[in-house]
Protein backbone atom coordinates (compact mmCIF):
# COMPACT_ATOMS: atom_id res chain seq x y z
CA MET A 1 -1.41 13.51 24.23
CA ASP A 2 -4.47 14.34 22.43
CA ILE A 3 -4.13 17.71 20.84
CA MET A 4 -6.44 19.83 22.86
CA ASP A 5 -5.07 18.49 26.30
CA GLN A 6 -1.46 19.71 25.07
CA ILE A 7 -2.81 23.15 24.01
CA LYS A 8 -4.55 22.94 27.79
CA GLN A 9 -1.45 22.03 29.33
CA GLN A 10 0.79 24.95 27.50
CA ILE A 11 -1.67 27.47 28.34
CA GLU A 12 -2.02 26.75 31.99
CA GLY A 13 1.97 25.83 32.45
CA ASN A 14 3.05 29.31 31.33
CA PRO A 15 1.49 32.29 32.96
CA VAL A 16 2.16 34.52 29.82
CA LEU A 17 1.81 32.71 26.65
CA LEU A 18 1.39 34.00 23.05
CA PHE A 19 0.56 31.60 20.17
CA MET A 20 2.13 33.29 17.20
CA LYS A 21 3.62 33.12 13.60
CA GLY A 22 6.89 32.82 14.07
CA ASN A 23 9.00 33.69 16.69
CA PRO A 24 9.71 36.79 18.81
CA ASN A 25 12.91 37.73 16.92
CA MET A 26 11.46 36.45 13.84
CA PRO A 27 7.51 36.84 13.43
CA GLN A 28 6.24 35.92 10.34
CA CYS A 29 3.30 38.28 9.86
CA GLY A 30 2.59 41.72 10.76
CA PHE A 31 0.06 40.62 13.65
CA SER A 32 2.56 38.67 15.60
CA SER A 33 5.18 41.54 15.23
CA LYS A 34 3.08 43.96 16.50
CA ALA A 35 1.78 41.67 19.49
CA VAL A 36 5.47 40.77 20.38
CA GLN A 37 6.37 44.35 20.24
CA VAL A 38 3.64 45.55 22.71
CA LEU A 39 4.52 42.18 24.96
CA MET A 40 8.31 43.55 25.02
CA ALA A 41 7.37 46.70 25.86
CA CYS A 42 5.69 45.82 29.01
CA GLY A 43 9.03 44.18 30.21
CA GLU A 44 8.46 40.73 31.20
CA ARG A 45 9.21 37.42 29.93
CA PHE A 46 6.74 35.48 27.87
CA ALA A 47 6.11 31.99 26.46
CA TYR A 48 5.68 31.73 22.89
CA VAL A 49 4.52 28.94 20.53
CA ASN A 50 5.20 29.03 16.73
CA ILE A 51 2.35 28.00 14.96
CA LEU A 52 3.85 27.61 11.68
CA GLU A 53 6.13 24.78 13.15
CA HIS A 54 2.94 23.24 14.81
CA PRO A 55 0.14 22.79 12.54
CA GLU A 56 -1.94 20.70 14.48
CA ILE A 57 -2.05 23.56 16.97
CA ARG A 58 -2.69 25.83 13.89
CA ALA A 59 -5.84 23.84 13.15
CA ASN A 60 -7.22 23.10 16.77
CA LEU A 61 -6.24 26.22 18.72
CA PRO A 62 -9.12 28.28 17.45
CA LYS A 63 -11.62 25.77 18.22
CA TYR A 64 -10.16 25.36 21.59
CA ALA A 65 -10.41 29.04 22.20
CA ASN A 66 -13.35 30.06 20.10
CA TRP A 67 -11.33 32.49 18.62
CA PRO A 68 -10.39 32.32 14.79
CA THR A 69 -7.36 34.36 14.54
CA PHE A 70 -3.64 34.66 15.25
CA PRO A 71 -2.13 35.93 17.55
CA GLN A 72 -3.56 35.02 20.58
CA LEU A 73 -2.25 36.03 24.16
CA TRP A 74 -2.88 34.00 26.93
CA VAL A 75 -2.61 35.06 30.51
CA ASN A 76 -3.02 33.05 33.62
CA GLY A 77 -4.93 30.56 31.65
CA GLU A 78 -7.53 33.50 30.38
CA LEU A 79 -7.48 34.11 26.16
CA VAL A 80 -7.09 38.10 26.41
CA GLY A 81 -7.30 38.59 22.40
CA GLY A 82 -5.13 39.76 19.36
CA SER A 83 -2.71 41.96 18.47
CA ASP A 84 -5.03 44.88 18.03
CA ILE A 85 -6.52 44.42 21.49
CA LEU A 86 -3.03 44.15 23.02
CA ALA A 87 -2.44 47.42 21.38
CA GLU A 88 -5.32 49.17 22.67
CA MET A 89 -4.22 47.56 26.39
CA HIS A 90 -1.05 48.84 26.12
CA GLU A 91 -1.97 52.36 25.22
CA SER A 92 -4.17 52.34 28.37
CA GLY A 93 -1.74 50.60 30.37
CA GLU A 94 -4.11 47.71 31.25
CA LEU A 95 -1.56 45.50 29.59
CA GLN A 96 1.43 46.30 31.46
CA THR A 97 -0.42 45.73 34.55
CA LEU A 98 -2.16 42.59 33.82
CA ILE A 99 1.45 41.23 32.59
CA LYS A 100 3.23 42.06 35.56
CA ASN A 101 0.60 40.71 37.95
CA ALA A 102 0.95 37.48 35.98
CA VAL A 103 4.58 37.07 36.03
CA PRO A 104 5.98 35.34 39.35
CA VAL A 105 8.28 37.31 41.14
CA THR A 106 11.49 35.74 41.10
CA GLU A 107 14.44 36.66 43.93
CA GLU A 108 17.39 38.09 42.54
């Protein structure tokens, strides 16, 4: 599978997806750590891709997204932004609403 197709499939297959350095339990940069903190504060599960383990994604995602930096949060197939944008959205309450509306409701 072409790397651009793989990126597209990951984005389309996960309602909330964070491309980050490291993983949520061990972020490998301050910006990824900040992004994980605000996402976890929203209280919903999210998928992630550790770009340090996938150099081909790290090299090509900026072209796909037209966004040069990491982390990148994608919600329902749309790029939301990086850690500064996420922090601002979290402070305003906008991020929580966006995440809650994106995550499918599961029956308990």
